[in-house]
Amino acid sequence: MTAPNSFQQAAQMAGGNLAAQPQQQVAADTSGNLTASFQGEKSQLFGGRVLPPSLLNKTHTLGTERTGLIVTAPYDVQSRDFATKKPKFWANSPLPDGSKISYEPLDYITKEPLRPVLDTVIELATDYRFDAAECAAVKRDPTLPDDGSRAFYVSGDDLKQIKREIGRLGLHNEQEMIGLRLTVKRAGQKPTTKGNDTWINAVSLSR
């Protein structure tokens, strides 16, 4: 999950101000394991844009490294639970199970509106293509076109690493990220309270 602050605060760590991005009208491609985040989606019946599949999915094991060129300015979308697809919100009042994440838009005690949990989407051009085995594993229609477009869905420690890279490169806004190379490596795993280990990634940006 992401920290409460959005990607637009990254430049404060880099010594600049990130320009606010307009709301994106997108719908999620569920191929992979991190593509179920979207906000303000339009119907796909009349050409609503579909987000690219995830750069990394459940077929990629420890040590897998993938890279791509950033093709659009990163933007935020509301995070959703991978299993239930329910949108996530930051809980104001402590939940009975101790969780900081609510799946209801209103505080269960005060009934005040809750802030959405945000993920950051970084769209990439890559040299990767789905083969038949990978399509079967992630339940992707093998007849769908694949031009190598992928996206890295950034939250948690990945977001912190991206912010550090922004500071290291001296970037001042999202537009300056276009054309940079993003590399992500699956470097480890850590257990969660839900019983499913989460990936620890090594994330870097380069010119």
Protein backbone atom coordinates (compact mmCIF):
# COMPACT_ATOMS: atom_id res chain seq x y z
CA MET A 1 0.00 0.00 0.00
CA THR A 2 1.09 3.53 -0.50
CA ALA A 3 1.96 6.05 2.15
CA PRO A 4 -0.72 8.71 2.73
CA ASN A 5 1.20 11.32 0.73
CA SER A 6 0.95 11.25 -3.06
CA PHE A 7 3.69 11.12 -5.67
CA GLN A 8 3.44 14.89 -6.11
CA GLN A 9 5.33 15.30 -2.80
CA ALA A 10 8.41 13.55 -4.17
CA ALA A 11 10.08 16.73 -5.36
CA GLN A 12 10.05 18.14 -1.85
CA MET A 13 12.70 15.55 -1.19
CA ALA A 14 14.44 16.46 -4.43
CA GLY A 15 14.41 20.20 -3.78
CA GLY A 16 11.61 21.12 -6.18
CA ASN A 17 7.87 21.07 -6.74
CA LEU A 18 6.11 18.41 -8.76
CA ALA A 19 3.29 19.69 -10.92
CA ALA A 20 -0.12 18.23 -10.12
CA GLN A 21 -1.34 15.80 -12.74
CA PRO A 22 -4.89 15.87 -14.12
CA GLN A 23 -7.22 13.07 -13.13
CA GLN A 24 -6.75 10.12 -15.45
CA GLN A 25 -9.73 8.32 -16.92
CA VAL A 26 -8.50 4.74 -16.99
CA ALA A 27 -9.66 1.17 -16.55
CA ALA A 28 -7.47 -1.62 -15.26
CA ASP A 29 -6.06 -4.53 -17.25
CA THR A 30 -6.14 -7.41 -14.80
CA SER A 31 -3.35 -9.39 -16.48
CA GLY A 32 -0.64 -9.84 -13.86
CA ASN A 33 -0.73 -9.25 -10.14
CA LEU A 34 -0.64 -5.48 -9.60
CA THR A 35 -2.92 -4.02 -12.25
CA ALA A 36 -6.19 -3.79 -10.32
CA SER A 37 -5.88 -0.12 -9.40
CA PHE A 38 -7.92 2.56 -11.10
CA GLN A 39 -9.86 5.75 -10.45
CA GLY A 40 -12.56 7.49 -12.46
CA GLU A 41 -12.61 4.77 -15.08
CA LYS A 42 -14.61 5.09 -18.30
CA SER A 43 -16.47 2.26 -19.96
CA GLN A 44 -14.38 0.20 -22.37
CA LEU A 45 -17.46 -0.10 -24.59
CA PHE A 46 -16.57 3.17 -26.32
CA GLY A 47 -12.81 3.19 -26.26
CA GLY A 48 -11.98 3.82 -22.61
CA ARG A 49 -8.19 3.46 -22.29
CA VAL A 50 -6.93 0.26 -20.66
CA LEU A 51 -3.85 0.38 -18.45
CA PRO A 52 -0.88 -1.70 -19.64
CA PRO A 53 -0.22 -5.04 -17.92
CA SER A 54 2.13 -5.08 -14.97
CA LEU A 55 5.88 -5.05 -15.57
CA LEU A 56 6.13 -7.92 -13.07
CA ASN A 57 3.53 -10.59 -12.39
CA LYS A 58 3.19 -13.87 -10.51
CA THR A 59 5.28 -15.76 -13.08
CA HIS A 60 8.38 -13.73 -12.16
CA THR A 61 10.45 -15.28 -9.41
CA LEU A 62 13.22 -14.12 -7.08
CA GLY A 63 16.03 -12.47 -9.03
CA THR A 64 13.88 -11.50 -12.01
CA GLU A 65 14.92 -8.07 -13.37
CA ARG A 66 12.88 -6.06 -15.84
CA THR A 67 13.45 -2.66 -17.38
CA GLY A 68 11.73 -0.18 -19.67
CA LEU A 69 11.67 3.42 -20.85
CA ILE A 70 9.15 5.74 -19.18
CA VAL A 71 6.72 6.98 -21.85
CA THR A 72 4.27 9.16 -19.91
CA ALA A 73 4.43 11.36 -16.83
CA PRO A 74 3.60 9.20 -13.78
CA TYR A 75 0.14 9.66 -12.27
CA ASP A 76 -1.80 8.44 -9.24
CA VAL A 77 -4.76 6.06 -9.16
CA GLN A 78 -6.78 4.70 -6.26
CA SER A 79 -5.42 1.43 -4.94
CA ARG A 80 -7.66 -1.65 -4.89
CA ASP A 81 -7.44 -4.94 -3.06
CA PHE A 82 -6.00 -7.52 -5.44
CA ALA A 83 -8.39 -10.31 -4.44
CA THR A 84 -11.67 -8.41 -3.97
CA LYS A 85 -11.02 -5.39 -6.27
CA LYS A 86 -12.51 -3.15 -3.57
CA PRO A 87 -11.07 0.41 -3.42
CA LYS A 88 -8.85 1.18 -0.44
CA PHE A 89 -9.21 4.14 1.94
CA TRP A 90 -7.08 5.38 4.85
CA ALA A 91 -8.97 4.70 8.09
CA ASN A 92 -9.29 7.66 10.47
CA SER A 93 -10.53 5.64 13.44
CA PRO A 94 -8.66 2.47 14.45
CA LEU A 95 -10.37 -0.55 12.90
CA PRO A 96 -11.27 -3.52 15.12
CA ASP A 97 -8.58 -5.68 13.49
CA GLY A 98 -5.94 -2.96 13.85
CA SER A 99 -5.74 -2.35 10.11
CA LYS A 100 -5.04 1.13 8.75
CA ILE A 101 -6.92 0.32 5.53
CA SER A 102 -10.69 0.51 5.13
CA TYR A 103 -12.73 -0.71 2.18
CA GLU A 104 -15.61 1.63 2.96
CA PRO A 105 -15.55 5.29 1.85
CA LEU A 106 -16.83 6.57 5.23
CA ASP A 107 -15.27 6.26 8.67
CA TYR A 108 -17.11 3.51 10.50
CA ILE A 109 -17.40 5.61 13.67
CA THR A 110 -17.59 9.27 12.60
CA LYS A 111 -19.06 8.63 9.11
CA GLU A 112 -16.67 11.23 7.70
CA PRO A 113 -15.30 10.70 4.18
CA LEU A 114 -11.98 8.86 4.07
CA ARG A 115 -8.96 9.65 1.90
CA PRO A 116 -8.26 7.14 -0.89
CA VAL A 117 -5.08 5.08 -0.78
CA LEU A 118 -3.07 5.97 -3.87
CA ASP A 119 -0.76 4.00 -6.11
CA THR A 120 1.46 5.64 -8.71
CA VAL A 121 1.40 4.32 -12.28
CA ILE A 122 4.57 4.51 -14.37
CA GLU A 123 3.93 3.47 -17.98
CA LEU A 124 6.82 1.90 -19.88
CA ALA A 125 7.92 0.79 -23.33
CA THR A 126 9.70 -2.57 -23.07
CA ASP A 127 11.08 -5.35 -25.25
CA TYR A 128 9.02 -8.00 -23.41
CA ARG A 129 6.20 -9.99 -24.99
CA PHE A 130 3.78 -12.49 -23.45
CA ASP A 131 4.34 -16.09 -24.47
CA ALA A 132 1.67 -18.79 -24.26
CA ALA A 133 2.80 -20.09 -20.86
CA GLU A 134 2.78 -16.65 -19.26
CA CYS A 135 -0.63 -15.85 -20.74
CA ALA A 136 -2.01 -19.06 -19.26
CA ALA A 137 -0.49 -18.32 -15.84
CA VAL A 138 -1.96 -14.80 -15.58
CA LYS A 139 -5.19 -15.72 -17.42
CA ARG A 140 -4.54 -13.34 -20.29
CA ASP A 141 -6.16 -13.87 -23.67
CA PRO A 142 -3.22 -14.95 -25.90
CA THR A 143 -4.87 -13.33 -28.94
CA LEU A 144 -4.62 -9.84 -27.41
CA PRO A 145 -2.05 -7.62 -29.14
CA ASP A 146 1.17 -7.04 -27.22
CA ASP A 147 3.44 -4.17 -28.24
CA GLY A 148 5.57 -4.39 -25.10
CA SER A 149 3.67 -1.69 -23.19
CA ARG A 150 3.92 -2.36 -19.47
CA ALA A 151 3.33 -0.41 -16.27
CA PHE A 152 4.97 -0.40 -12.85
CA TYR A 153 2.37 0.10 -10.11
CA VAL A 154 4.24 1.86 -7.31
CA SER A 155 3.41 1.78 -3.61
CA GLY A 156 5.05 1.26 -0.22
CA ASP A 157 8.81 0.81 -0.24
CA ASP A 158 8.91 0.98 -4.05
CA LEU A 159 7.56 4.53 -3.80
CA LYS A 160 10.23 5.46 -1.25
CA GLN A 161 12.92 4.13 -3.59
CA ILE A 162 11.53 6.10 -6.54
CA LYS A 163 11.57 9.26 -4.43
CA ARG A 164 15.20 8.65 -3.50
CA GLU A 165 16.05 8.18 -7.17
CA ILE A 166 14.27 11.46 -7.98
CA GLY A 167 16.45 13.21 -5.43
CA ARG A 168 19.62 11.53 -6.69
CA LEU A 169 18.94 12.60 -10.28
CA GLY A 170 17.78 16.11 -9.30
CA LEU A 171 14.39 15.85 -11.00
CA HIS A 172 11.81 18.59 -10.44
CA ASN A 173 8.59 17.27 -11.99
CA GLU A 174 7.00 14.19 -13.52
CA GLN A 175 7.62 15.38 -17.08
CA GLU A 176 11.36 15.09 -16.50
CA MET A 177 10.91 11.36 -15.89
CA ILE A 178 9.79 10.72 -19.48
CA GLY A 179 12.58 8.98 -21.38
CA LEU A 180 14.35 7.69 -18.26
CA ARG A 181 14.96 3.98 -17.84
CA LEU A 182 13.23 2.26 -14.91
CA THR A 183 14.65 -1.04 -13.67
CA VAL A 184 12.96 -3.29 -11.11
CA LYS A 185 14.45 -6.45 -9.62
CA ARG A 186 12.74 -8.91 -7.31
CA ALA A 187 15.25 -8.95 -4.48
CA GLY A 188 13.40 -10.70 -1.64
CA GLN A 189 10.12 -11.46 0.10
CA LYS A 190 8.52 -10.64 3.43
CA PRO A 191 5.54 -12.26 5.17
CA THR A 192 2.23 -10.48 5.72
CA THR A 193 -0.56 -10.95 8.24
CA LYS A 194 -2.76 -12.32 5.43
CA GLY A 195 -0.38 -15.20 4.86
CA ASN A 196 0.79 -14.14 1.40
CA ASP A 197 4.41 -13.03 1.12
CA THR A 198 4.97 -9.69 -0.59
CA TRP A 199 7.88 -8.94 -2.88
CA ILE A 200 10.79 -6.73 -1.90
CA ASN A 201 12.01 -4.93 -5.03
CA ALA A 202 15.18 -3.08 -5.90
CA VAL A 203 14.10 -0.06 -7.97
CA SER A 204 16.34 2.33 -9.90
CA LEU A 205 16.16 5.11 -12.49
CA SER A 206 18.83 5.90 -15.06
CA ARG A 207 19.29 8.32 -17.94
